[in-house]
C-alpha atoms as a PDB file:
ATOM      1  CA  MET A   1     208.490 197.281 233.819  1.00  0.00           C
ATOM      2  CA  THR A   2     210.002 197.250 237.322  1.00  0.00           C
ATOM      3  CA  ASP A   3     212.717 194.813 238.338  1.00  0.00           C
ATOM      4  CA  ALA A   4     210.176 192.875 240.448  1.00  0.00           C
ATOM      5  CA  GLU A   5     207.758 192.630 237.511  1.00  0.00           C
ATOM      6  CA  LYS A   6     210.637 191.548 235.246  1.00  0.00           C
ATOM      7  CA  ASP A   7     211.728 188.870 237.686  1.00  0.00           C
ATOM      8  CA  GLY A   8     208.134 187.618 238.045  1.00  0.00           C
ATOM      9  CA  SER A   9     207.680 187.460 234.272  1.00  0.00           C
ATOM     10  CA  GLU A  10     210.926 185.544 233.876  1.00  0.00           C
ATOM     11  CA  LEU A  11     209.889 183.092 236.602  1.00  0.00           C
ATOM     12  CA  LEU A  12     206.556 182.502 234.840  1.00  0.00           C
ATOM     13  CA  ASP A  13     208.311 181.938 231.536  1.00  0.00           C
ATOM     14  CA  GLU A  14     210.650 179.469 233.217  1.00  0.00           C
ATOM     15  CA  LEU A  15     207.796 177.722 235.021  1.00  0.00           C
ATOM     16  CA  MET A  16     205.695 177.406 231.857  1.00  0.00           C
ATOM     17  CA  ARG A  17     208.701 176.170 229.896  1.00  0.00           C
ATOM     18  CA  LEU A  18     209.721 173.519 232.416  1.00  0.00           C
ATOM     19  CA  ASN A  19     206.313 172.490 233.728  1.00  0.00           C
ATOM     20  CA  LYS A  20     203.407 172.288 231.273  1.00  0.00           C
ATOM     21  CA  ASP A  21     201.199 171.068 234.128  1.00  0.00           C
ATOM     22  CA  PHE A  22     201.065 174.597 235.569  1.00  0.00           C
ATOM     23  CA  GLU A  23     199.736 176.101 232.342  1.00  0.00           C
ATOM     24  CA  ARG A  24     197.014 173.427 232.108  1.00  0.00           C
ATOM     25  CA  ASP A  25     196.176 173.744 235.834  1.00  0.00           C
ATOM     26  CA  TRP A  26     195.846 177.502 235.584  1.00  0.00           C
ATOM     27  CA  ALA A  27     193.646 177.400 232.462  1.00  0.00           C
ATOM     28  CA  ARG A  28     191.343 174.828 234.090  1.00  0.00           C
ATOM     29  CA  LEU A  29     190.970 176.878 237.298  1.00  0.00           C
ATOM     30  CA  ALA A  30     190.448 180.123 235.358  1.00  0.00           C
ATOM     31  CA  MET A  31     187.641 178.557 233.326  1.00  0.00           C
ATOM     32  CA  ARG A  32     185.984 176.985 236.375  1.00  0.00           C
ATOM     33  CA  HIS A  33     185.959 180.123 238.484  1.00  0.00           C
ATOM     34  CA  SER A  34     185.173 182.743 235.853  1.00  0.00           C
ATOM     35  CA  GLY A  35     181.578 183.943 235.879  1.00  0.00           C
ATOM     36  CA  GLY A  36     179.155 186.071 237.826  1.00  0.00           C
ATOM     37  CA  GLY A  37     180.672 189.212 236.341  1.00  0.00           C
ATOM     38  CA  ILE A  38     184.259 188.186 237.211  1.00  0.00           C
ATOM     39  CA  GLN A  39     186.564 186.986 234.430  1.00  0.00           C
ATOM     40  CA  ILE A  40     189.961 185.356 235.044  1.00  0.00           C
ATOM     41  CA  SER A  41     192.391 185.349 232.151  1.00  0.00           C
ATOM     42  CA  LYS A  42     193.620 181.971 230.961  1.00  0.00           C
ATOM     43  CA  SER A  43     197.024 183.613 230.649  1.00  0.00           C
ATOM     44  CA  PRO A  44     198.692 183.711 234.100  1.00  0.00           C
ATOM     45  CA  ARG A  45     200.959 186.539 232.894  1.00  0.00           C
ATOM     46  CA  LYS A  46     197.909 188.859 232.975  1.00  0.00           C
ATOM     47  CA  GLU A  47     196.928 187.929 236.516  1.00  0.00           C
ATOM     48  CA  LEU A  48     199.981 187.186 238.677  1.00  0.00           C
ATOM     49  CA  SER A  49     202.347 189.587 240.402  1.00  0.00           C
ATOM     50  CA  GLY A  50     206.058 188.852 240.718  1.00  0.00           C
ATOM     51  CA  ALA A  51     205.697 187.637 244.297  1.00  0.00           C
ATOM     52  CA  GLU A  52     202.773 185.389 243.371  1.00  0.00           C
ATOM     53  CA  ALA A  53     204.641 183.937 240.411  1.00  0.00           C
ATOM     54  CA  GLU A  54     207.638 183.230 242.633  1.00  0.00           C
ATOM     55  CA  ALA A  55     205.487 181.476 245.265  1.00  0.00           C
ATOM     56  CA  ILE A  56     203.882 179.242 242.628  1.00  0.00           C
ATOM     57  CA  TYR A  57     207.255 178.513 240.999  1.00  0.00           C
ATOM     58  CA  GLU A  58     208.727 177.369 244.317  1.00  0.00           C
ATOM     59  CA  ALA A  59     205.675 175.177 245.058  1.00  0.00           C
ATOM     60  CA  TYR A  60     205.816 173.421 241.678  1.00  0.00           C
ATOM     61  CA  GLU A  61     209.526 172.787 242.308  1.00  0.00           C
ATOM     62  CA  VAL A  62     208.393 170.640 245.281  1.00  0.00           C
ATOM     63  CA  SER A  63     205.564 168.777 243.528  1.00  0.00           C
ATOM     64  CA  ARG A  64     202.582 169.286 241.254  1.00  0.00           C
ATOM     65  CA  ASP A  65     200.174 168.818 244.186  1.00  0.00           C
ATOM     66  CA  ALA A  66     201.965 171.559 246.133  1.00  0.00           C
ATOM     67  CA  GLY A  67     201.934 173.777 243.048  1.00  0.00           C
ATOM     68  CA  GLN A  68     198.184 173.265 242.520  1.00  0.00           C
ATOM     69  CA  GLN A  69     197.451 174.072 246.159  1.00  0.00           C
ATOM     70  CA  ARG A  70     199.482 177.273 246.056  1.00  0.00           C
ATOM     71  CA  THR A  71     197.845 178.248 242.753  1.00  0.00           C
ATOM     72  CA  ARG A  72     194.366 177.824 244.319  1.00  0.00           C
ATOM     73  CA  GLU A  73     195.370 179.924 247.326  1.00  0.00           C
ATOM     74  CA  ILE A  74     196.678 182.740 245.152  1.00  0.00           C
ATOM     75  CA  LEU A  75     193.671 182.548 242.833  1.00  0.00           C
ATOM     76  CA  LYS A  76     191.438 182.847 245.906  1.00  0.00           C
ATOM     77  CA  SER A  77     193.262 185.993 246.986  1.00  0.00           C
ATOM     78  CA  ILE A  78     192.903 187.418 243.450  1.00  0.00           C
ATOM     79  CA  LEU A  79     189.144 186.797 243.516  1.00  0.00           C
ATOM     80  CA  GLU A  80     188.842 188.360 246.968  1.00  0.00           C
ATOM     81  CA  ARG A  81     190.621 191.488 245.716  1.00  0.00           C
ATOM     82  CA  ARG A  82     188.261 191.601 242.729  1.00  0.00           C
ATOM     83  CA  LYS A  83     185.262 191.244 245.025  1.00  0.00           C
ATOM     84  CA  GLU A  84     186.480 194.057 247.258  1.00  0.00           C
ATOM     85  CA  SER A  85     186.943 196.244 244.199  1.00  0.00           C
ATOM     86  CA  ILE A  86     183.434 195.408 242.933  1.00  0.00           C
ATOM     87  CA  ASP A  87     181.951 196.090 246.382  1.00  0.00           C
ATOM     88  CA  GLU A  88     183.704 199.455 246.529  1.00  0.00           C
ATOM     89  CA  THR A  89     182.449 200.330 243.052  1.00  0.00           C
ATOM     90  CA  LEU A  90     178.912 199.251 243.972  1.00  0.00           C
ATOM     91  CA  ASP A  91     178.969 201.281 247.198  1.00  0.00           C
ATOM     92  CA  SER A  92     180.128 204.296 245.229  1.00  0.00           C
ATOM     93  CA  LEU A  93     177.407 203.798 242.605  1.00  0.00           C
ATOM     94  CA  VAL A  94     174.697 203.362 245.261  1.00  0.00           C
ATOM     95  CA  GLY A  95     175.880 206.529 246.975  1.00  0.00           C
ATOM     96  CA  GLU A  96     175.723 208.435 243.689  1.00  0.00           C
ATOM     97  CA  PHE A  97     172.233 207.047 243.028  1.00  0.00           C
ATOM     98  CA  GLU A  98     170.999 208.093 246.470  1.00  0.00           C
ATOM     99  CA  ASP A  99     172.507 211.567 246.093  1.00  0.00           C
ATOM    100  CA  ALA A 100     170.918 211.933 242.661  1.00  0.00           C
ATOM    101  CA  GLU A 101     167.540 210.892 244.073  1.00  0.00           C
ATOM    102  CA  LEU A 102     167.731 213.603 246.729  1.00  0.00           C
ATOM    103  CA  ARG A 103     168.852 216.191 244.184  1.00  0.00           C
ATOM    104  CA  ASN A 104     165.808 215.281 242.062  1.00  0.00           C
ATOM    105  CA  ALA A 105     163.363 215.556 244.975  1.00  0.00           C
ATOM    106  CA  ASP A 106     161.473 218.469 243.443  1.00  0.00           C
ATOM    107  CA  LYS A 107     161.194 216.703 240.070  1.00  0.00           C
ATOM    108  CA  ARG A 108     159.884 213.552 241.756  1.00  0.00           C
ATOM    109  CA  LYS A 109     156.998 215.370 243.446  1.00  0.00           C
ATOM    110  CA  LYS A 110     154.884 215.798 240.324  1.00  0.00           C
ATOM    111  CA  PRO A 111     154.699 212.125 239.202  1.00  0.00           C
ATOM    112  CA  LEU A 112     154.237 211.043 242.816  1.00  0.00           C
ATOM    113  CA  ALA A 113     151.340 213.446 243.302  1.00  0.00           C
ATOM    114  CA  LYS A 114     149.876 212.332 239.957  1.00  0.00           C
ATOM    115  CA  GLU A 115     149.899 208.677 241.048  1.00  0.00           C
ATOM    116  CA  ALA A 116     148.327 209.596 244.391  1.00  0.00           C
ATOM    117  CA  GLY A 117     145.628 211.451 242.488  1.00  0.00           C
ATOM    118  CA  ARG A 118     145.021 208.414 240.286  1.00  0.00           C
ATOM    119  CA  LYS A 119     144.561 206.226 243.370  1.00  0.00           C
ATOM    120  CA  ALA A 120     142.215 208.809 244.871  1.00  0.00           C
ATOM    121  CA  GLN A 121     140.141 208.662 241.698  1.00  0.00           C
ATOM    122  CA  HIS A 122     139.740 204.903 242.219  1.00  0.00           C
ATOM    123  CA  LEU A 123     138.341 205.639 245.664  1.00  0.00           C
ATOM    124  CA  GLY A 124     135.953 208.247 244.323  1.00  0.00           C
ATOM    125  CA  LYS A 125     134.733 206.034 241.489  1.00  0.00           C
ATOM    126  CA  ASN A 126     134.191 203.126 243.857  1.00  0.00           C
ATOM    127  CA  ILE A 127     132.183 205.323 246.248  1.00  0.00           C
ATOM    128  CA  ASP A 128     130.090 206.274 243.234  1.00  0.00           C
ATOM    129  CA  LEU A 129     129.583 202.581 242.380  1.00  0.00           C
ATOM    130  CA  LEU A 130     128.287 201.868 245.890  1.00  0.00           C
ATOM    131  CA  LYS A 131     126.011 204.890 245.691  1.00  0.00           C
ATOM    132  CA  GLU A 132     124.521 203.542 242.450  1.00  0.00           C
ATOM    133  CA  TYR A 133     124.124 200.020 243.794  1.00  0.00           C
ATOM    134  CA  LEU A 134     122.492 201.171 247.042  1.00  0.00           C
ATOM    135  CA  SER A 135     120.308 203.729 245.222  1.00  0.00           C
ATOM    136  CA  VAL A 136     121.153 206.407 247.784  1.00  0.00           C
ATOM    137  CA  SER A 137     122.126 210.065 247.587  1.00  0.00           C
ATOM    138  CA  PHE A 138     125.362 211.755 248.601  1.00  0.00           C
ATOM    139  CA  GLN A 139     123.466 213.161 251.545  1.00  0.00           C
ATOM    140  CA  ASP A 140     122.515 209.640 252.628  1.00  0.00           C
ATOM    141  CA  LEU A 141     126.160 208.587 252.478  1.00  0.00           C
ATOM    142  CA  ALA A 142     127.171 211.739 254.327  1.00  0.00           C
ATOM    143  CA  ASP A 143     124.729 210.892 257.110  1.00  0.00           C
ATOM    144  CA  VAL A 144     126.034 207.342 257.580  1.00  0.00           C
ATOM    145  CA  THR A 145     129.745 208.230 257.357  1.00  0.00           C
ATOM    146  CA  GLY A 146     129.738 211.501 259.279  1.00  0.00           C
ATOM    147  CA  LEU A 147     131.345 213.335 256.369  1.00  0.00           C
ATOM    148  CA  SER A 148     129.901 216.360 254.654  1.00  0.00           C
ATOM    149  CA  ARG A 149     127.946 215.971 251.438  1.00  0.00           C
ATOM    150  CA  SER A 150     130.305 218.346 249.638  1.00  0.00           C
ATOM    151  CA  SER A 151     133.386 216.361 250.765  1.00  0.00           C
ATOM    152  CA  LEU A 152     131.890 213.111 249.497  1.00  0.00           C
ATOM    153  CA  HIS A 153     130.920 214.718 246.214  1.00  0.00           C
ATOM    154  CA  LYS A 154     134.441 216.086 245.702  1.00  0.00           C
ATOM    155  CA  ILE A 155     135.990 212.687 246.460  1.00  0.00           C
ATOM    156  CA  ALA A 156     133.570 210.804 244.203  1.00  0.00           C
ATOM    157  CA  ARG A 157     133.252 213.198 241.291  1.00  0.00           C
ATOM    158  CA  LYS A 158     136.299 215.490 241.392  1.00  0.00           C
ATOM    159  CA  GLY A 159     139.064 213.136 242.482  1.00  0.00           C
ATOM    160  CA  ARG A 160     139.911 214.921 245.712  1.00  0.00           C
ATOM    161  CA  VAL A 161     142.625 213.102 247.681  1.00  0.00           C
ATOM    162  CA  PRO A 162     141.156 212.415 251.147  1.00  0.00           C
ATOM    163  CA  LYS A 163     143.019 212.399 254.442  1.00  0.00           C
ATOM    164  CA  ILE A 164     143.810 208.990 255.883  1.00  0.00           C
ATOM    165  CA  THR A 165     141.274 209.612 258.657  1.00  0.00           C
ATOM    166  CA  THR A 166     138.614 210.274 256.026  1.00  0.00           C
ATOM    167  CA  LEU A 167     139.435 207.004 254.272  1.00  0.00           C
ATOM    168  CA  HIS A 168     139.011 205.021 257.485  1.00  0.00           C
ATOM    169  CA  GLN A 169     135.848 206.937 258.357  1.00  0.00           C
ATOM    170  CA  LEU A 170     134.392 205.890 255.021  1.00  0.00           C
ATOM    171  CA  ALA A 171     135.517 202.286 255.550  1.00  0.00           C
ATOM    172  CA  ILE A 172     133.880 201.964 258.975  1.00  0.00           C
ATOM    173  CA  GLY A 173     130.748 203.931 258.112  1.00  0.00           C
ATOM    174  CA  ILE A 174     130.023 202.005 254.915  1.00  0.00           C
ATOM    175  CA  GLY A 175     131.581 198.705 255.981  1.00  0.00           C
ATOM    176  CA  VAL A 176     134.134 198.214 253.179  1.00  0.00           C
ATOM    177  CA  PRO A 177     137.869 197.842 253.960  1.00  0.00           C
ATOM    178  CA  PRO A 178     140.226 200.509 252.560  1.00  0.00           C
ATOM    179  CA  VAL A 179     142.045 197.964 250.379  1.00  0.00           C
ATOM    180  CA  VAL A 180     138.775 197.338 248.501  1.00  0.00           C
ATOM    181  CA  LEU A 181     137.634 200.969 248.489  1.00  0.00           C
ATOM    182  CA  LEU A 182     140.881 201.792 246.650  1.00  0.00           C
ATOM    183  CA  ALA A 183     140.721 198.783 244.329  1.00  0.00           C
ATOM    184  CA  ASP A 184     140.923 198.670 240.577  1.00  0.00           C
ATOM    185  CA  ALA A 185     141.681 195.790 238.195  1.00  0.00           C
ATOM    186  CA  ASP A 186     145.424 195.955 238.908  1.00  0.00           C
ATOM    187  CA  SER A 187     145.076 195.873 242.688  1.00  0.00           C
ATOM    188  CA  LEU A 188     142.560 193.013 242.446  1.00  0.00           C
ATOM    189  CA  ARG A 189     145.182 191.127 240.459  1.00  0.00           C
ATOM    190  CA  SER A 190     147.675 191.730 243.270  1.00  0.00           C
ATOM    191  CA  LEU A 191     145.152 190.502 245.837  1.00  0.00           C
ATOM    192  CA  ASP A 192     144.558 187.408 243.742  1.00  0.00           C
ATOM    193  CA  ARG A 193     148.250 186.549 243.976  1.00  0.00           C
ATOM    194  CA  LEU A 194     148.171 186.940 247.759  1.00  0.00           C
ATOM    195  CA  VAL A 195     144.860 185.268 248.604  1.00  0.00           C
ATOM    196  CA  ASP A 196     143.734 181.664 248.191  1.00  0.00           C
ATOM    197  CA  LEU A 197     139.988 181.464 247.650  1.00  0.00           C
ATOM    198  CA  PRO A 198     138.165 178.688 249.535  1.00  0.00           C
ATOM    199  CA  ALA A 199     137.778 175.411 247.674  1.00  0.00           C
ATOM    200  CA  GLY A 200     133.984 175.717 247.943  1.00  0.00           C
ATOM    201  CA  LEU A 201     134.042 178.527 245.394  1.00  0.00           C
ATOM    202  CA  ASP A 202     135.384 176.392 242.561  1.00  0.00           C
ATOM    203  CA  HIS A 203     132.036 175.164 241.279  1.00  0.00           C
ATOM    204  CA  ARG A 204     130.541 178.671 241.448  1.00  0.00           C
ATOM    205  CA  LEU A 205     133.359 180.251 239.483  1.00  0.00           C
ATOM    206  CA  ASP A 206     133.747 177.349 237.041  1.00  0.00           C
ATOM    207  CA  ALA A 207     137.516 177.537 237.589  1.00  0.00           C
ATOM    208  CA  GLY A 208     137.369 181.086 236.248  1.00  0.00           C
ATOM    209  CA  LYS A 209     140.116 183.659 236.447  1.00  0.00           C
ATOM    210  CA  LEU A 210     140.230 187.362 237.132  1.00  0.00           C
ATOM    211  CA  LYS A 211     139.354 189.356 234.022  1.00  0.00           C
ATOM    212  CA  PRO A 212     139.614 193.173 233.904  1.00  0.00           C
ATOM    213  CA  THR A 213     136.125 194.508 233.224  1.00  0.00           C
ATOM    214  CA  THR A 214     136.362 198.175 234.320  1.00  0.00           C
ATOM    215  CA  ASP A 215     136.070 199.743 230.870  1.00  0.00           C
ATOM    216  CA  LYS A 216     133.213 197.473 229.840  1.00  0.00           C
ATOM    217  CA  MET A 217     131.254 198.143 233.030  1.00  0.00           C
ATOM    218  CA  ASN A 218     131.941 201.884 232.843  1.00  0.00           C
ATOM    219  CA  ASP A 219     130.476 201.930 229.338  1.00  0.00           C
ATOM    220  CA  ILE A 220     127.328 200.212 230.598  1.00  0.00           C
ATOM    221  CA  LEU A 221     126.950 202.447 233.643  1.00  0.00           C
ATOM    222  CA  HIS A 222     127.991 205.806 232.211  1.00  0.00           C
ATOM    223  CA  GLY A 223     127.840 205.394 228.434  1.00  0.00           C
ATOM    224  CA  ASP A 224     125.207 206.487 225.954  1.00  0.00           C
ATOM    225  CA  PRO A 225     123.686 203.146 224.957  1.00  0.00           C
ATOM    226  CA  LYS A 226     122.105 202.629 221.587  1.00  0.00           C
ATOM    227  CA  LYS A 227     118.973 200.581 221.121  1.00  0.00           C
ATOM    228  CA  GLY A 228     119.568 197.003 222.215  1.00  0.00           C
ATOM    229  CA  GLU A 229     122.758 197.808 224.172  1.00  0.00           C
ATOM    230  CA  LYS A 230     123.093 197.422 227.921  1.00  0.00           C
ATOM    231  CA  ASP A 231     122.245 200.440 230.050  1.00  0.00           C
ATOM    232  CA  PRO A 232     122.570 201.451 233.751  1.00  0.00           C
ATOM    233  CA  GLY A 233     119.547 199.316 234.573  1.00  0.00           C
ATOM    234  CA  ASP A 234     121.407 196.277 233.255  1.00  0.00           C
ATOM    235  CA  TRP A 235     124.445 197.253 235.337  1.00  0.00           C
ATOM    236  CA  LEU A 236     122.325 197.352 238.487  1.00  0.00           C
ATOM    237  CA  HIS A 237     120.643 194.052 237.633  1.00  0.00           C
ATOM    238  CA  ASP A 238     124.076 192.461 237.144  1.00  0.00           C
ATOM    239  CA  MET A 239     125.268 193.787 240.509  1.00  0.00           C
ATOM    240  CA  VAL A 240     122.147 192.627 242.331  1.00  0.00           C
ATOM    241  CA  THR A 241     122.457 189.174 240.760  1.00  0.00           C
ATOM    242  CA  THR A 242     126.125 188.912 241.702  1.00  0.00           C
ATOM    243  CA  THR A 243     125.637 190.090 245.278  1.00  0.00           C
ATOM    244  CA  GLY A 244     122.772 187.624 245.527  1.00  0.00           C
ATOM    245  CA  GLU A 245     125.219 184.865 244.599  1.00  0.00           C
ATOM    246  CA  ILE A 246     127.583 186.125 247.292  1.00  0.00           C
ATOM    247  CA  ALA A 247     124.804 186.059 249.881  1.00  0.00           C
ATOM    248  CA  GLU A 248     123.804 182.536 248.870  1.00  0.00           C
ATOM    249  CA  TYR A 249     127.394 181.349 249.075  1.00  0.00           C
ATOM    250  CA  PHE A 250     127.879 182.599 252.620  1.00  0.00           C
ATOM    251  CA  GLY A 251     124.500 181.225 253.674  1.00  0.00           C
ATOM    252  CA  GLU A 252     124.896 177.762 252.125  1.00  0.00           C
ATOM    253  CA  ILE A 253     128.641 177.111 252.375  1.00  0.00           C
ATOM    254  CA  GLU A 254     129.912 179.296 255.197  1.00  0.00           C
ATOM    255  CA  ARG A 255     126.660 178.956 257.200  1.00  0.00           C
ATOM    256  CA  TYR A 256     126.397 182.580 258.259  1.00  0.00           C
ATOM    257  CA  ARG A 257     124.889 185.790 257.009  1.00  0.00           C
ATOM    258  CA  ALA A 258     126.900 187.746 254.449  1.00  0.00           C
ATOM    259  CA  SER A 259     128.158 190.999 255.933  1.00  0.00           C
ATOM    260  CA  ASN A 260     127.963 194.526 254.543  1.00  0.00           C
ATOM    261  CA  ALA A 261     131.693 194.152 253.920  1.00  0.00           C
ATOM    262  CA  ALA A 262     131.252 191.093 251.688  1.00  0.00           C
ATOM    263  CA  ILE A 263     128.204 192.367 249.773  1.00  0.00           C
ATOM    264  CA  LEU A 264     129.450 195.883 249.049  1.00  0.00           C
ATOM    265  CA  SER A 265     133.002 194.760 248.327  1.00  0.00           C
ATOM    266  CA  ALA A 266     131.556 192.328 245.777  1.00  0.00           C
ATOM    267  CA  VAL A 267     130.057 195.296 243.913  1.00  0.00           C
ATOM    268  CA  ILE A 268     133.488 196.879 243.521  1.00  0.00           C
ATOM    269  CA  GLY A 269     135.093 193.528 242.670  1.00  0.00           C
ATOM    270  CA  ARG A 270     132.437 192.722 240.061  1.00  0.00           C
ATOM    271  CA  HIS A 271     132.803 196.100 238.365  1.00  0.00           C
ATOM    272  CA  HIS A 272     136.569 195.794 237.992  1.00  0.00           C
ATOM    273  CA  GLY A 273     137.170 192.031 237.807  1.00  0.00           C
ATOM    274  CA  GLY A 274     134.017 190.138 236.778  1.00  0.00           C
ATOM    275  CA  ARG A 275     132.412 187.409 238.901  1.00  0.00           C
ATOM    276  CA  TYR A 276     135.808 186.177 240.031  1.00  0.00           C
ATOM    277  CA  GLY A 277     136.667 189.698 241.178  1.00  0.00           C
ATOM    278  CA  ALA A 278     133.383 189.867 243.093  1.00  0.00           C
ATOM    279  CA  PHE A 279     134.068 186.695 245.075  1.00  0.00           C
ATOM    280  CA  LEU A 280     137.713 187.691 245.612  1.00  0.00           C
ATOM    281  CA  ALA A 281     136.799 191.120 247.003  1.00  0.00           C
ATOM    282  CA  ALA A 282     134.024 189.625 249.149  1.00  0.00           C
ATOM    283  CA  HIS A 283     136.379 187.010 250.594  1.00  0.00           C
ATOM    284  CA  VAL A 284     139.069 189.597 251.393  1.00  0.00           C
ATOM    285  CA  ALA A 285     136.525 191.916 252.995  1.00  0.00           C
ATOM    286  CA  GLU A 286     135.061 189.102 255.087  1.00  0.00           C
ATOM    287  CA  GLN A 287     138.506 188.361 256.506  1.00  0.00           C
ATOM    288  CA  MET A 288     138.818 192.020 257.505  1.00  0.00           C
ATOM    289  CA  ARG A 289     135.319 192.211 258.954  1.00  0.00           C
ATOM    290  CA  PRO A 290     136.453 192.529 262.627  1.00  0.00           C
ATOM    291  CA  GLU A 291     138.296 195.756 261.764  1.00  0.00           C
ATOM    292  CA  LEU A 292     135.124 197.281 260.309  1.00  0.00           C
ATOM    293  CA  GLU A 293     132.346 196.253 262.672  1.00  0.00           C
ATOM    294  CA  HIS A 294     131.950 198.155 265.942  1.00  0.00           C
ATOM    295  CA  GLY A 295     129.075 197.463 268.283  1.00  0.00           C
ATOM    296  CA  ASN A 296     129.646 200.485 270.479  1.00  0.00           C
ATOM    297  CA  LEU A 297     131.397 203.573 269.207  1.00  0.00           C
ATOM    298  CA  GLY A 298     130.083 206.299 271.457  1.00  0.00           C
ATOM    299  CA  GLY A 299     126.912 204.278 271.893  1.00  0.00           C
ATOM    300  CA  PHE A 300     126.385 203.651 268.167  1.00  0.00           C
ATOM    301  CA  SER A 301     126.876 200.591 265.953  1.00  0.00           C
ATOM    302  CA  PHE A 302     128.832 200.563 262.708  1.00  0.00           C
ATOM    303  CA  PRO A 303     128.644 199.959 259.800  1.00  0.00           C
ATOM    304  CA  SER A 304     125.365 201.636 259.012  1.00  0.00           C
ATOM    305  CA  ALA A 305     122.140 199.735 259.645  1.00  0.00           C
ATOM    306  CA  TYR A 306     120.499 202.017 257.080  1.00  0.00           C
ATOM    307  CA  LEU A 307     122.775 200.689 254.346  1.00  0.00           C
ATOM    308  CA  ARG A 308     122.051 197.181 255.538  1.00  0.00           C
ATOM    309  CA  GLY A 309     118.408 197.838 254.860  1.00  0.00           C
ATOM    310  CA  ARG A 310     119.177 198.949 251.323  1.00  0.00           C
ATOM    311  CA  ILE A 311     121.199 195.777 250.734  1.00  0.00           C
ATOM    312  CA  GLU A 312     118.399 193.571 252.087  1.00  0.00           C
ATOM    313  CA  ARG A 313     115.920 195.227 249.745  1.00  0.00           C
ATOM    314  CA  HIS A 314     118.054 194.147 246.779  1.00  0.00           C
ATOM    315  CA  MET A 315     118.340 190.639 248.241  1.00  0.00           C
ATOM    316  CA  ARG A 316     114.563 190.355 248.647  1.00  0.00           C
ATOM    317  CA  GLU A 317     114.209 191.182 244.979  1.00  0.00           C
ATOM    318  CA  GLN A 318     116.322 188.070 244.320  1.00  0.00           C
ATOM    319  CA  GLY A 319     114.271 186.002 246.770  1.00  0.00           C
ATOM    320  CA  ILE A 320     117.177 185.860 249.238  1.00  0.00           C
ATOM    321  CA  THR A 321     116.799 186.434 252.958  1.00  0.00           C
ATOM    322  CA  LEU A 322     120.015 187.551 254.624  1.00  0.00           C
ATOM    323  CA  ASP A 323     118.777 186.794 258.134  1.00  0.00           C
ATOM    324  CA  ARG A 324     118.458 183.058 257.489  1.00  0.00           C
END
């Protein structure tokens, strides 16, 4: 122990012997201001330097009020030093974390690419759903999107990760926004947290909630049904019924014709999130409709009028006229 530390310790002993108020004041302040990862000892001997002890001693010699004020000031400086130390430690830790992240760049590539591939598979599977609903071929979709048949087939059936330009070409050609083309049950759940459905939908959804239905619908569409179980024909009937409800909603409540965006997005929403998912996806797509519809791109209109005709055929089967 240095002479200064010895003098400070002796001053504290003298102060605590002569003035019990200081010991109580310190304990009360230490308890009040400990927390948030910072602990202050109730024993002033563990916290105060010789100079600090001397300053407090002299203040208490004047009065208790003066002593309390000086104690608060010194405690404040102690906390500020602790904060600076914590900040320095945090900065050092963040720097180490960032350096480690860069050092692990090669190891991070594989899981990142795997997740990108998983998202691309959602796109491909959703393209396949629209193909089934519309009862069209890959060549038909190639003709309306300007992509090659082989590219569409690889995206839909082999999980190829498309370029961003390809994604937007699909969105405009078909009339479904990218956020829905890439959707699965999880992303629909995220959309549900972000979007408030119109009040007019309450009675149609019976205050329902989003329910993941991907596995169930996949089994119906792609499974090997036994006698009495649902088959792909039932899947299509379900989709036609649901999109018919969407068309009726926009005609009766919104007072305008349901767009390609709303109808086809409802197919994807229904497959992954039930009826609630269908209305959610349709509502989101309708809000993004201006980004998808182009009356004159090089003299042509998008999305495809051909696909519109396929949609209207399904609607007629439900006794619904979209051009009301």
